[in-house]
Amino acid sequence: MIWLTWRQFRTQALVGAVLLAVVAAALLATAPGLFDRYHDSGFAGCATGCAQLAQAFTDDVLRGATKTFYRVGVAVLFLLPALVGVFWGAPLVARELEAGTHRLVWSQTITRSRWLIVKLTGVGLAVILLTGLISLLVTWWSGPIDEAQGDRITPLLFAARGVVPLGHAALAFVIGVLTGLIARRAVLAMGITLLLVAAVQIAVPTLIRPLLASPVSSTAAFDPERIDGISISNDSVMRVSLQPPVAGAWVLSNRTVDARGDEFRGPADRTKCGREGSPEVCEGWLQAQNLRQEASYVPPGQFWSLQWRELGVLAALTVLIAMFSFWWLRRRTT
């Protein structure tokens, strides 16, 4: 059974090995130059002026080939779960059910449960190994840039760093397997799996991850130097956005409120904040409105704790879907 699973999976395994080799070659070849620039920038181990050194370092490295590799690394880890679910998970059993070859296996000494266990275990370990190695390489290579930017806890990077990619890949794989069991058609299962995995990758950061985080709430007096943007509509409705309290934090809410606690919407004094005024005059007028900033955010220091919590949830969902797959195989599959 193990040999048969390998024979059926060897093409996907070869593609995965090629992907890993390409990613490893690109990152290992460029890592020495990146880390040399990191140490030469003065940002590594800095004690004072770190913000300016970090900005100078990111401006230096995030261009040309290094910028491309950085973005491709993020894209690969975001796309990998979908690729695993569609091309590794969905056809794994759907192809056999569609062709009817599963009956030949079941007529031997191989039970249904053993048939599925070998497939899930063998290919699942390959999924975890491939995703883990790529995530390890990308996280290591991107370390200096992530340290300088300090934003790896934000949704744009969180699922492309650390251990969370393993959870997403494993979950996508079992979703594909279950979809194949139910649909019994490889192409149909692949299409449905793609939609389901995309839905999961949208739902996790928007619905589940905020529940796992331990956000910090803060209230601070209005600071004109922290103004991030001002907009005024034709009917003088005014919105003022301020920079987050902590750089690189995952901001859940960030409001500028008035003395009553309502979100500040003006009306704007166009003699001070319109064409007749100046930025300095407008800032002074805003400061006189008794405004304050109310924010809720997840600080960068919670990165690893949130990583392990999300991995635990994804692992639990993976186990549940795998268990349901066994139930479906025994009760609904003929």
C-alpha atoms as a PDB file:
ATOM      1  CA  MET A   1       0.000   0.000   0.000  1.00  0.00           C
ATOM      2  CA  ILE A   2       2.857   2.372   0.775  1.00  0.00           C
ATOM      3  CA  TRP A   3       4.528   1.530  -2.528  1.00  0.00           C
ATOM      4  CA  LEU A   4       1.259   2.102  -4.422  1.00  0.00           C
ATOM      5  CA  THR A   5       0.721   5.460  -2.725  1.00  0.00           C
ATOM      6  CA  TRP A   6       4.239   6.512  -3.672  1.00  0.00           C
ATOM      7  CA  ARG A   7       3.698   5.439  -7.293  1.00  0.00           C
ATOM      8  CA  GLN A   8       0.534   7.538  -7.490  1.00  0.00           C
ATOM      9  CA  PHE A   9       2.104  10.522  -5.733  1.00  0.00           C
ATOM     10  CA  ARG A  10       5.581  10.621  -7.266  1.00  0.00           C
ATOM     11  CA  THR A  11       4.771  13.281  -9.904  1.00  0.00           C
ATOM     12  CA  GLN A  12       3.435  15.709  -7.283  1.00  0.00           C
ATOM     13  CA  ALA A  13       6.407  14.867  -5.053  1.00  0.00           C
ATOM     14  CA  LEU A  14       8.813  15.706  -7.866  1.00  0.00           C
ATOM     15  CA  VAL A  15       7.093  19.047  -8.501  1.00  0.00           C
ATOM     16  CA  GLY A  16       7.271  19.833  -4.789  1.00  0.00           C
ATOM     17  CA  ALA A  17      10.968  18.944  -4.678  1.00  0.00           C
ATOM     18  CA  VAL A  18      11.650  21.200  -7.651  1.00  0.00           C
ATOM     19  CA  LEU A  19       9.773  24.084  -5.990  1.00  0.00           C
ATOM     20  CA  LEU A  20      11.748  23.591  -2.783  1.00  0.00           C
ATOM     21  CA  ALA A  21      15.031  23.474  -4.703  1.00  0.00           C
ATOM     22  CA  VAL A  22      14.243  26.683  -6.602  1.00  0.00           C
ATOM     23  CA  VAL A  23      13.243  28.560  -3.430  1.00  0.00           C
ATOM     24  CA  ALA A  24      16.278  27.273  -1.514  1.00  0.00           C
ATOM     25  CA  ALA A  25      18.699  28.128  -4.325  1.00  0.00           C
ATOM     26  CA  ALA A  26      17.359  31.659  -4.714  1.00  0.00           C
ATOM     27  CA  LEU A  27      17.322  32.451  -0.997  1.00  0.00           C
ATOM     28  CA  LEU A  28      20.628  30.796  -0.110  1.00  0.00           C
ATOM     29  CA  ALA A  29      22.369  32.540  -2.993  1.00  0.00           C
ATOM     30  CA  THR A  30      21.158  36.004  -1.956  1.00  0.00           C
ATOM     31  CA  ALA A  31      21.272  35.576   1.842  1.00  0.00           C
ATOM     32  CA  PRO A  32      24.993  36.447   2.323  1.00  0.00           C
ATOM     33  CA  GLY A  33      24.595  39.803   0.578  1.00  0.00           C
ATOM     34  CA  LEU A  34      21.416  40.596   2.496  1.00  0.00           C
ATOM     35  CA  PHE A  35      22.921  39.767   5.891  1.00  0.00           C
ATOM     36  CA  ASP A  36      26.117  41.693   5.059  1.00  0.00           C
ATOM     37  CA  ARG A  37      24.060  44.796   4.295  1.00  0.00           C
ATOM     38  CA  TYR A  38      22.104  44.202   7.491  1.00  0.00           C
ATOM     39  CA  HIS A  39      25.252  44.232   9.634  1.00  0.00           C
ATOM     40  CA  ASP A  40      26.905  47.045   7.686  1.00  0.00           C
ATOM     41  CA  SER A  41      23.823  49.256   8.069  1.00  0.00           C
ATOM     42  CA  GLY A  42      24.414  49.638  11.806  1.00  0.00           C
ATOM     43  CA  PHE A  43      20.851  48.563  12.543  1.00  0.00           C
ATOM     44  CA  ALA A  44      21.929  45.152  13.868  1.00  0.00           C
ATOM     45  CA  GLY A  45      22.393  45.569  17.607  1.00  0.00           C
ATOM     46  CA  CYS A  46      21.783  49.324  17.534  1.00  0.00           C
ATOM     47  CA  ALA A  47      21.113  51.161  20.803  1.00  0.00           C
ATOM     48  CA  THR A  48      20.156  54.651  19.602  1.00  0.00           C
ATOM     49  CA  GLY A  49      18.628  56.018  16.420  1.00  0.00           C
ATOM     50  CA  CYS A  50      17.308  52.571  15.538  1.00  0.00           C
ATOM     51  CA  ALA A  51      14.231  53.884  13.720  1.00  0.00           C
ATOM     52  CA  GLN A  52      16.337  55.907  11.299  1.00  0.00           C
ATOM     53  CA  LEU A  53      18.785  53.054  10.776  1.00  0.00           C
ATOM     54  CA  ALA A  54      15.923  50.612  10.179  1.00  0.00           C
ATOM     55  CA  GLN A  55      14.365  52.920   7.598  1.00  0.00           C
ATOM     56  CA  ALA A  56      17.692  53.384   5.843  1.00  0.00           C
ATOM     57  CA  PHE A  57      18.251  49.622   5.768  1.00  0.00           C
ATOM     58  CA  THR A  58      14.814  48.831   4.316  1.00  0.00           C
ATOM     59  CA  ASP A  59      15.183  51.594   1.730  1.00  0.00           C
ATOM     60  CA  ASP A  60      18.515  50.050   0.750  1.00  0.00           C
ATOM     61  CA  VAL A  61      17.450  46.407   0.447  1.00  0.00           C
ATOM     62  CA  LEU A  62      13.828  46.598  -0.706  1.00  0.00           C
ATOM     63  CA  ARG A  63      14.640  47.296  -4.303  1.00  0.00           C
ATOM     64  CA  GLY A  64      15.752  45.298  -7.306  1.00  0.00           C
ATOM     65  CA  ALA A  65      16.173  41.542  -6.935  1.00  0.00           C
ATOM     66  CA  THR A  66      15.968  41.574  -3.131  1.00  0.00           C
ATOM     67  CA  LYS A  67      12.551  43.231  -3.228  1.00  0.00           C
ATOM     68  CA  THR A  68      11.384  40.676  -5.790  1.00  0.00           C
ATOM     69  CA  PHE A  69      12.585  37.717  -3.709  1.00  0.00           C
ATOM     70  CA  TYR A  70      10.945  39.198  -0.606  1.00  0.00           C
ATOM     71  CA  ARG A  71       7.565  39.514  -2.313  1.00  0.00           C
ATOM     72  CA  VAL A  72       7.802  36.148  -4.060  1.00  0.00           C
ATOM     73  CA  GLY A  73       8.571  34.467  -0.727  1.00  0.00           C
ATOM     74  CA  VAL A  74       5.380  35.904   0.754  1.00  0.00           C
ATOM     75  CA  ALA A  75       3.361  34.948  -2.325  1.00  0.00           C
ATOM     76  CA  VAL A  76       4.651  31.358  -2.349  1.00  0.00           C
ATOM     77  CA  LEU A  77       3.596  30.737   1.251  1.00  0.00           C
ATOM     78  CA  PHE A  78       0.175  32.277   0.678  1.00  0.00           C
ATOM     79  CA  LEU A  79      -0.385  30.217  -2.483  1.00  0.00           C
ATOM     80  CA  LEU A  80       1.114  26.961  -1.219  1.00  0.00           C
ATOM     81  CA  PRO A  81      -1.943  25.815   0.802  1.00  0.00           C
ATOM     82  CA  ALA A  82      -4.196  26.259  -2.232  1.00  0.00           C
ATOM     83  CA  LEU A  83      -1.750  24.402  -4.469  1.00  0.00           C
ATOM     84  CA  VAL A  84      -1.437  21.574  -1.950  1.00  0.00           C
ATOM     85  CA  GLY A  85      -5.192  21.261  -1.524  1.00  0.00           C
ATOM     86  CA  VAL A  86      -5.966  21.400  -5.245  1.00  0.00           C
ATOM     87  CA  PHE A  87      -3.168  19.279  -6.707  1.00  0.00           C
ATOM     88  CA  TRP A  88      -2.213  16.998  -3.794  1.00  0.00           C
ATOM     89  CA  GLY A  89      -5.352  16.607  -1.699  1.00  0.00           C
ATOM     90  CA  ALA A  90      -8.307  16.697  -4.100  1.00  0.00           C
ATOM     91  CA  PRO A  91      -7.076  14.108  -6.635  1.00  0.00           C
ATOM     92  CA  LEU A  92      -5.610  11.785  -4.006  1.00  0.00           C
ATOM     93  CA  VAL A  93      -8.761   9.713  -3.557  1.00  0.00           C
ATOM     94  CA  ALA A  94     -11.099  11.310  -6.111  1.00  0.00           C
ATOM     95  CA  ARG A  95      -8.983   9.951  -8.954  1.00  0.00           C
ATOM     96  CA  GLU A  96      -9.313   6.376  -7.656  1.00  0.00           C
ATOM     97  CA  LEU A  97     -13.011   6.714  -6.890  1.00  0.00           C
ATOM     98  CA  GLU A  98     -13.633   8.121 -10.348  1.00  0.00           C
ATOM     99  CA  ALA A  99     -11.714   5.322 -12.076  1.00  0.00           C
ATOM    100  CA  GLY A 100     -13.076   2.613  -9.775  1.00  0.00           C
ATOM    101  CA  THR A 101      -9.613   1.269  -8.899  1.00  0.00           C
ATOM    102  CA  HIS A 102     -10.366   1.564  -5.178  1.00  0.00           C
ATOM    103  CA  ARG A 103     -12.545  -1.548  -5.366  1.00  0.00           C
ATOM    104  CA  LEU A 104      -9.574  -3.629  -6.474  1.00  0.00           C
ATOM    105  CA  VAL A 105      -7.567  -2.492  -3.446  1.00  0.00           C
ATOM    106  CA  TRP A 106     -10.455  -3.074  -1.043  1.00  0.00           C
ATOM    107  CA  SER A 107     -10.991  -6.574  -2.397  1.00  0.00           C
ATOM    108  CA  GLN A 108      -7.512  -7.518  -1.194  1.00  0.00           C
ATOM    109  CA  THR A 109      -6.411  -7.563   2.435  1.00  0.00           C
ATOM    110  CA  ILE A 110      -6.385  -3.746   2.583  1.00  0.00           C
ATOM    111  CA  THR A 111      -9.252  -2.270   4.604  1.00  0.00           C
ATOM    112  CA  ARG A 112     -10.838   1.066   3.781  1.00  0.00           C
ATOM    113  CA  SER A 113      -9.415   2.689   6.878  1.00  0.00           C
ATOM    114  CA  ARG A 114      -5.905   1.462   6.199  1.00  0.00           C
ATOM    115  CA  TRP A 115      -6.206   2.619   2.589  1.00  0.00           C
ATOM    116  CA  LEU A 116      -7.041   6.153   3.702  1.00  0.00           C
ATOM    117  CA  ILE A 117      -4.601   6.171   6.637  1.00  0.00           C
ATOM    118  CA  VAL A 118      -1.648   5.396   4.378  1.00  0.00           C
ATOM    119  CA  LYS A 119      -2.656   8.093   1.917  1.00  0.00           C
ATOM    120  CA  LEU A 120      -3.300  10.740   4.557  1.00  0.00           C
ATOM    121  CA  THR A 121      -0.171   9.929   6.545  1.00  0.00           C
ATOM    122  CA  GLY A 122       2.258   9.531   3.669  1.00  0.00           C
ATOM    123  CA  VAL A 123       1.203  12.518   1.602  1.00  0.00           C
ATOM    124  CA  GLY A 124       0.367  14.576   4.702  1.00  0.00           C
ATOM    125  CA  LEU A 125       3.917  14.198   6.024  1.00  0.00           C
ATOM    126  CA  ALA A 126       5.213  15.304   2.626  1.00  0.00           C
ATOM    127  CA  VAL A 127       2.944  18.378   2.810  1.00  0.00           C
ATOM    128  CA  ILE A 128       4.233  19.290   6.266  1.00  0.00           C
ATOM    129  CA  LEU A 129       7.863  18.693   5.282  1.00  0.00           C
ATOM    130  CA  LEU A 130       7.642  20.783   2.114  1.00  0.00           C
ATOM    131  CA  THR A 131       5.755  23.645   3.759  1.00  0.00           C
ATOM    132  CA  GLY A 132       7.935  23.580   6.859  1.00  0.00           C
ATOM    133  CA  LEU A 133      11.184  23.788   4.898  1.00  0.00           C
ATOM    134  CA  ILE A 134       9.953  26.596   2.651  1.00  0.00           C
ATOM    135  CA  SER A 135       8.553  28.535   5.630  1.00  0.00           C
ATOM    136  CA  LEU A 136      11.813  28.039   7.522  1.00  0.00           C
ATOM    137  CA  LEU A 137      13.855  29.351   4.591  1.00  0.00           C
ATOM    138  CA  VAL A 138      11.600  32.334   3.927  1.00  0.00           C
ATOM    139  CA  THR A 139      11.314  33.270   7.620  1.00  0.00           C
ATOM    140  CA  TRP A 140      15.081  33.027   8.094  1.00  0.00           C
ATOM    141  CA  TRP A 141      15.931  34.966   4.924  1.00  0.00           C
ATOM    142  CA  SER A 142      13.351  37.686   5.632  1.00  0.00           C
ATOM    143  CA  GLY A 143      14.407  38.030   9.280  1.00  0.00           C
ATOM    144  CA  PRO A 144      16.508  41.208   8.908  1.00  0.00           C
ATOM    145  CA  ILE A 145      13.823  42.930   6.825  1.00  0.00           C
ATOM    146  CA  ASP A 146      11.047  41.857   9.182  1.00  0.00           C
ATOM    147  CA  GLU A 147      13.055  43.124  12.137  1.00  0.00           C
ATOM    148  CA  ALA A 148      13.565  46.490  10.478  1.00  0.00           C
ATOM    149  CA  GLN A 149       9.947  46.874   9.443  1.00  0.00           C
ATOM    150  CA  GLY A 150       8.556  45.290  12.611  1.00  0.00           C
ATOM    151  CA  ASP A 151       5.280  44.375  10.911  1.00  0.00           C
ATOM    152  CA  ARG A 152       5.320  40.590  10.647  1.00  0.00           C
ATOM    153  CA  ILE A 153       2.283  40.312  12.935  1.00  0.00           C
ATOM    154  CA  THR A 154       0.122  42.176  10.412  1.00  0.00           C
ATOM    155  CA  PRO A 155      -2.256  40.108   8.235  1.00  0.00           C
ATOM    156  CA  LEU A 156      -0.167  40.740   5.117  1.00  0.00           C
ATOM    157  CA  LEU A 157       2.790  38.803   6.554  1.00  0.00           C
ATOM    158  CA  PHE A 158       1.555  36.720   9.487  1.00  0.00           C
ATOM    159  CA  ALA A 159       0.471  33.661   7.488  1.00  0.00           C
ATOM    160  CA  ALA A 160       3.723  33.716   5.505  1.00  0.00           C
ATOM    161  CA  ARG A 161       6.018  33.414   8.524  1.00  0.00           C
ATOM    162  CA  GLY A 162       6.748  30.937  11.302  1.00  0.00           C
ATOM    163  CA  VAL A 163       4.667  27.815  11.900  1.00  0.00           C
ATOM    164  CA  VAL A 164       1.250  29.001  10.727  1.00  0.00           C
ATOM    165  CA  PRO A 165       1.889  28.047   7.070  1.00  0.00           C
ATOM    166  CA  LEU A 166       2.143  24.398   8.192  1.00  0.00           C
ATOM    167  CA  GLY A 167      -1.340  24.582   9.697  1.00  0.00           C
ATOM    168  CA  HIS A 168      -2.848  26.183   6.606  1.00  0.00           C
ATOM    169  CA  ALA A 169      -1.196  23.654   4.273  1.00  0.00           C
ATOM    170  CA  ALA A 170      -2.280  20.645   6.348  1.00  0.00           C
ATOM    171  CA  LEU A 171      -5.835  21.967   6.597  1.00  0.00           C
ATOM    172  CA  ALA A 172      -5.982  22.621   2.849  1.00  0.00           C
ATOM    173  CA  PHE A 173      -4.734  19.096   2.181  1.00  0.00           C
ATOM    174  CA  VAL A 174      -7.438  17.365   4.237  1.00  0.00           C
ATOM    175  CA  ILE A 175     -10.079  19.701   2.793  1.00  0.00           C
ATOM    176  CA  GLY A 176      -9.005  18.496  -0.636  1.00  0.00           C
ATOM    177  CA  VAL A 177      -9.132  14.849   0.432  1.00  0.00           C
ATOM    178  CA  LEU A 178     -12.610  15.177   1.936  1.00  0.00           C
ATOM    179  CA  THR A 179     -13.861  17.068  -1.105  1.00  0.00           C
ATOM    180  CA  GLY A 180     -12.528  14.287  -3.311  1.00  0.00           C
ATOM    181  CA  LEU A 181     -14.297  11.677  -1.198  1.00  0.00           C
ATOM    182  CA  ILE A 182     -17.616  13.487  -1.513  1.00  0.00           C
ATOM    183  CA  ALA A 183     -17.380  14.713  -5.114  1.00  0.00           C
ATOM    184  CA  ARG A 184     -15.785  11.500  -6.500  1.00  0.00           C
ATOM    185  CA  ARG A 185     -14.618  13.498  -9.538  1.00  0.00           C
ATOM    186  CA  ALA A 186     -11.064  14.824  -9.586  1.00  0.00           C
ATOM    187  CA  VAL A 187     -11.626  17.999 -11.614  1.00  0.00           C
ATOM    188  CA  LEU A 188     -14.795  18.900  -9.705  1.00  0.00           C
ATOM    189  CA  ALA A 189     -13.053  18.261  -6.383  1.00  0.00           C
ATOM    190  CA  MET A 190     -10.116  20.447  -7.414  1.00  0.00           C
ATOM    191  CA  GLY A 191     -12.394  23.376  -8.249  1.00  0.00           C
ATOM    192  CA  ILE A 192     -14.395  23.090  -5.034  1.00  0.00           C
ATOM    193  CA  THR A 193     -11.202  22.741  -2.992  1.00  0.00           C
ATOM    194  CA  LEU A 194      -9.793  25.934  -4.461  1.00  0.00           C
ATOM    195  CA  LEU A 195     -12.909  27.843  -3.411  1.00  0.00           C
ATOM    196  CA  LEU A 196     -12.931  26.316   0.078  1.00  0.00           C
ATOM    197  CA  VAL A 197      -9.240  26.989   0.728  1.00  0.00           C
ATOM    198  CA  ALA A 198      -9.628  30.575  -0.460  1.00  0.00           C
ATOM    199  CA  ALA A 199     -12.579  30.981   1.912  1.00  0.00           C
ATOM    200  CA  VAL A 200     -10.518  29.595   4.805  1.00  0.00           C
ATOM    201  CA  GLN A 201      -7.634  31.949   4.099  1.00  0.00           C
ATOM    202  CA  ILE A 202     -10.039  34.874   4.183  1.00  0.00           C
ATOM    203  CA  ALA A 203     -12.005  33.703   7.220  1.00  0.00           C
ATOM    204  CA  VAL A 204      -9.039  32.876   9.473  1.00  0.00           C
ATOM    205  CA  PRO A 205      -7.454  36.368   9.608  1.00  0.00           C
ATOM    206  CA  THR A 206     -10.788  38.195   9.660  1.00  0.00           C
ATOM    207  CA  LEU A 207     -12.884  36.001  11.974  1.00  0.00           C
ATOM    208  CA  ILE A 208     -10.695  33.551  13.905  1.00  0.00           C
ATOM    209  CA  ARG A 209      -7.360  35.290  14.435  1.00  0.00           C
ATOM    210  CA  PRO A 210      -8.838  38.353  16.220  1.00  0.00           C
ATOM    211  CA  LEU A 211     -10.449  35.961  18.742  1.00  0.00           C
ATOM    212  CA  LEU A 212      -7.072  34.344  19.441  1.00  0.00           C
ATOM    213  CA  ALA A 213      -5.215  37.616  19.933  1.00  0.00           C
ATOM    214  CA  SER A 214      -4.841  39.541  23.178  1.00  0.00           C
ATOM    215  CA  PRO A 215      -5.351  43.112  21.979  1.00  0.00           C
ATOM    216  CA  VAL A 216      -4.187  46.156  23.877  1.00  0.00           C
ATOM    217  CA  SER A 217      -6.524  49.152  24.176  1.00  0.00           C
ATOM    218  CA  SER A 218      -5.127  52.645  24.504  1.00  0.00           C
ATOM    219  CA  THR A 219      -6.481  56.183  24.801  1.00  0.00           C
ATOM    220  CA  ALA A 220      -4.195  59.134  24.171  1.00  0.00           C
ATOM    221  CA  ALA A 221      -4.556  62.859  23.758  1.00  0.00           C
ATOM    222  CA  PHE A 222      -4.625  64.180  20.206  1.00  0.00           C
ATOM    223  CA  ASP A 223      -1.096  64.725  18.903  1.00  0.00           C
ATOM    224  CA  PRO A 224      -0.819  66.788  15.688  1.00  0.00           C
ATOM    225  CA  GLU A 225       2.544  65.200  14.950  1.00  0.00           C
ATOM    226  CA  ARG A 226       0.857  61.802  14.633  1.00  0.00           C
ATOM    227  CA  ILE A 227      -1.609  62.883  11.937  1.00  0.00           C
ATOM    228  CA  ASP A 228      -1.595  60.311   9.164  1.00  0.00           C
ATOM    229  CA  GLY A 229      -4.253  61.847   6.943  1.00  0.00           C
ATOM    230  CA  ILE A 230      -7.091  64.379   6.797  1.00  0.00           C
ATOM    231  CA  SER A 231     -10.084  64.255   4.487  1.00  0.00           C
ATOM    232  CA  ILE A 232     -12.855  66.834   4.075  1.00  0.00           C
ATOM    233  CA  SER A 233     -15.976  66.163   2.017  1.00  0.00           C
ATOM    234  CA  ASN A 234     -18.009  68.735   0.109  1.00  0.00           C
ATOM    235  CA  ASP A 235     -20.473  69.014   2.998  1.00  0.00           C
ATOM    236  CA  SER A 236     -17.586  69.693   5.449  1.00  0.00           C
ATOM    237  CA  VAL A 237     -17.569  66.228   7.020  1.00  0.00           C
ATOM    238  CA  MET A 238     -14.021  65.824   8.314  1.00  0.00           C
ATOM    239  CA  ARG A 239     -12.108  62.670   9.112  1.00  0.00           C
ATOM    240  CA  VAL A 240      -8.740  62.620  10.828  1.00  0.00           C
ATOM    241  CA  SER A 241      -6.622  59.463  10.973  1.00  0.00           C
ATOM    242  CA  LEU A 242      -3.677  59.157  13.325  1.00  0.00           C
ATOM    243  CA  GLN A 243      -0.700  56.825  13.197  1.00  0.00           C
ATOM    244  CA  PRO A 244      -1.023  53.623  15.265  1.00  0.00           C
ATOM    245  CA  PRO A 245       0.246  53.895  18.855  1.00  0.00           C
ATOM    246  CA  VAL A 246       2.889  51.213  18.225  1.00  0.00           C
ATOM    247  CA  ALA A 247       4.767  50.896  14.949  1.00  0.00           C
ATOM    248  CA  GLY A 248       4.250  47.562  13.191  1.00  0.00           C
ATOM    249  CA  ALA A 249       1.291  46.557  15.375  1.00  0.00           C
ATOM    250  CA  TRP A 250      -1.751  44.780  13.976  1.00  0.00           C
ATOM    251  CA  VAL A 251      -4.350  47.515  14.351  1.00  0.00           C
ATOM    252  CA  LEU A 252      -7.878  46.267  15.049  1.00  0.00           C
ATOM    253  CA  SER A 253      -9.426  49.708  15.463  1.00  0.00           C
ATOM    254  CA  ASN A 254      -8.070  53.238  15.403  1.00  0.00           C
ATOM    255  CA  ARG A 255     -10.461  56.149  15.918  1.00  0.00           C
ATOM    256  CA  THR A 256     -10.173  59.848  16.497  1.00  0.00           C
ATOM    257  CA  VAL A 257     -13.004  60.801  18.870  1.00  0.00           C
ATOM    258  CA  ASP A 258     -14.374  64.025  20.334  1.00  0.00           C
ATOM    259  CA  ALA A 259     -14.980  64.906  23.970  1.00  0.00           C
ATOM    260  CA  ARG A 260     -18.239  62.882  24.004  1.00  0.00           C
ATOM    261  CA  GLY A 261     -16.513  59.759  22.721  1.00  0.00           C
ATOM    262  CA  ASP A 262     -18.085  59.913  19.265  1.00  0.00           C
ATOM    263  CA  GLU A 263     -15.951  59.545  16.170  1.00  0.00           C
ATOM    264  CA  PHE A 264     -14.879  63.010  15.084  1.00  0.00           C
ATOM    265  CA  ARG A 265     -16.477  64.103  11.817  1.00  0.00           C
ATOM    266  CA  GLY A 266     -16.260  67.871  12.043  1.00  0.00           C
ATOM    267  CA  PRO A 267     -17.765  69.943  10.630  1.00  0.00           C
ATOM    268  CA  ALA A 268     -14.503  71.352   9.367  1.00  0.00           C
ATOM    269  CA  ASP A 269     -13.712  75.038   9.691  1.00  0.00           C
ATOM    270  CA  ARG A 270     -12.746  75.725   6.094  1.00  0.00           C
ATOM    271  CA  THR A 271     -11.144  79.035   7.011  1.00  0.00           C
ATOM    272  CA  LYS A 272      -8.550  77.067   8.939  1.00  0.00           C
ATOM    273  CA  CYS A 273      -8.500  73.633   7.276  1.00  0.00           C
ATOM    274  CA  GLY A 274      -9.571  74.668   3.783  1.00  0.00           C
ATOM    275  CA  ARG A 275      -7.719  76.422   1.034  1.00  0.00           C
ATOM    276  CA  GLU A 276      -7.503  79.604   3.095  1.00  0.00           C
ATOM    277  CA  GLY A 277      -5.744  77.883   5.975  1.00  0.00           C
ATOM    278  CA  SER A 278      -2.367  76.226   6.348  1.00  0.00           C
ATOM    279  CA  PRO A 279      -1.334  72.859   7.791  1.00  0.00           C
ATOM    280  CA  GLU A 280      -0.083  74.527  10.952  1.00  0.00           C
ATOM    281  CA  VAL A 281      -3.311  76.504  11.439  1.00  0.00           C
ATOM    282  CA  CYS A 282      -5.434  73.409  10.785  1.00  0.00           C
ATOM    283  CA  GLU A 283      -3.421  71.344  13.270  1.00  0.00           C
ATOM    284  CA  GLY A 284      -3.839  74.048  15.900  1.00  0.00           C
ATOM    285  CA  TRP A 285      -7.600  74.160  15.294  1.00  0.00           C
ATOM    286  CA  LEU A 286      -7.849  70.383  15.607  1.00  0.00           C
ATOM    287  CA  GLN A 287      -5.889  70.425  18.856  1.00  0.00           C
ATOM    288  CA  ALA A 288      -8.395  72.908  20.258  1.00  0.00           C
ATOM    289  CA  GLN A 289     -11.292  70.475  19.626  1.00  0.00           C
ATOM    290  CA  ASN A 290     -10.399  68.291  22.647  1.00  0.00           C
ATOM    291  CA  LEU A 291      -9.872  65.231  20.480  1.00  0.00           C
ATOM    292  CA  ARG A 292      -8.271  61.996  21.529  1.00  0.00           C
ATOM    293  CA  GLN A 293      -7.152  58.761  19.902  1.00  0.00           C
ATOM    294  CA  GLU A 294      -8.749  55.444  20.855  1.00  0.00           C
ATOM    295  CA  ALA A 295      -7.017  52.377  19.461  1.00  0.00           C
ATOM    296  CA  SER A 296      -7.058  48.617  19.853  1.00  0.00           C
ATOM    297  CA  TYR A 297      -4.061  46.727  18.544  1.00  0.00           C
ATOM    298  CA  VAL A 298      -1.982  43.571  18.848  1.00  0.00           C
ATOM    299  CA  PRO A 299       1.659  44.518  19.544  1.00  0.00           C
ATOM    300  CA  PRO A 300       4.472  42.858  17.558  1.00  0.00           C
ATOM    301  CA  GLY A 301       5.692  41.114  20.714  1.00  0.00           C
ATOM    302  CA  GLN A 302       2.710  38.749  20.606  1.00  0.00           C
ATOM    303  CA  PHE A 303       3.807  37.274  17.266  1.00  0.00           C
ATOM    304  CA  TRP A 304       4.910  33.823  18.472  1.00  0.00           C
ATOM    305  CA  SER A 305       2.151  33.333  21.024  1.00  0.00           C
ATOM    306  CA  LEU A 306      -0.425  34.127  18.352  1.00  0.00           C
ATOM    307  CA  GLN A 307       1.382  31.837  15.892  1.00  0.00           C
ATOM    308  CA  TRP A 308       1.098  28.842  18.217  1.00  0.00           C
ATOM    309  CA  ARG A 309      -2.534  29.569  19.054  1.00  0.00           C
ATOM    310  CA  GLU A 310      -3.517  29.746  15.398  1.00  0.00           C
ATOM    311  CA  LEU A 311      -1.516  26.617  14.600  1.00  0.00           C
ATOM    312  CA  GLY A 312      -3.394  24.808  17.367  1.00  0.00           C
ATOM    313  CA  VAL A 313      -6.769  25.832  15.950  1.00  0.00           C
ATOM    314  CA  LEU A 314      -5.753  24.832  12.417  1.00  0.00           C
ATOM    315  CA  ALA A 315      -4.417  21.498  13.659  1.00  0.00           C
ATOM    316  CA  ALA A 316      -7.668  20.815  15.513  1.00  0.00           C
ATOM    317  CA  LEU A 317      -9.695  21.592  12.380  1.00  0.00           C
ATOM    318  CA  THR A 318      -7.384  19.332  10.375  1.00  0.00           C
ATOM    319  CA  VAL A 319      -7.945  16.420  12.767  1.00  0.00           C
ATOM    320  CA  LEU A 320     -11.713  16.938  12.763  1.00  0.00           C
ATOM    321  CA  ILE A 321     -11.906  16.972   8.974  1.00  0.00           C
ATOM    322  CA  ALA A 322      -9.680  13.888   8.774  1.00  0.00           C
ATOM    323  CA  MET A 323     -11.953  12.066  11.245  1.00  0.00           C
ATOM    324  CA  PHE A 324     -15.017  13.055   9.233  1.00  0.00           C
ATOM    325  CA  SER A 325     -13.270  11.732   6.114  1.00  0.00           C
ATOM    326  CA  PHE A 326     -12.942   8.313   7.754  1.00  0.00           C
ATOM    327  CA  TRP A 327     -16.620   8.393   8.745  1.00  0.00           C
ATOM    328  CA  TRP A 328     -17.647   9.306   5.209  1.00  0.00           C
ATOM    329  CA  LEU A 329     -15.420   6.597   3.746  1.00  0.00           C
ATOM    330  CA  ARG A 330     -16.950   3.874   5.939  1.00  0.00           C
ATOM    331  CA  ARG A 331     -20.586   4.995   5.754  1.00  0.00           C
ATOM    332  CA  ARG A 332     -21.066   6.727   2.407  1.00  0.00           C
ATOM    333  CA  THR A 333     -18.432   5.422   0.009  1.00  0.00           C
ATOM    334  CA  THR A 334     -18.984   2.301  -2.063  1.00  0.00           C
END
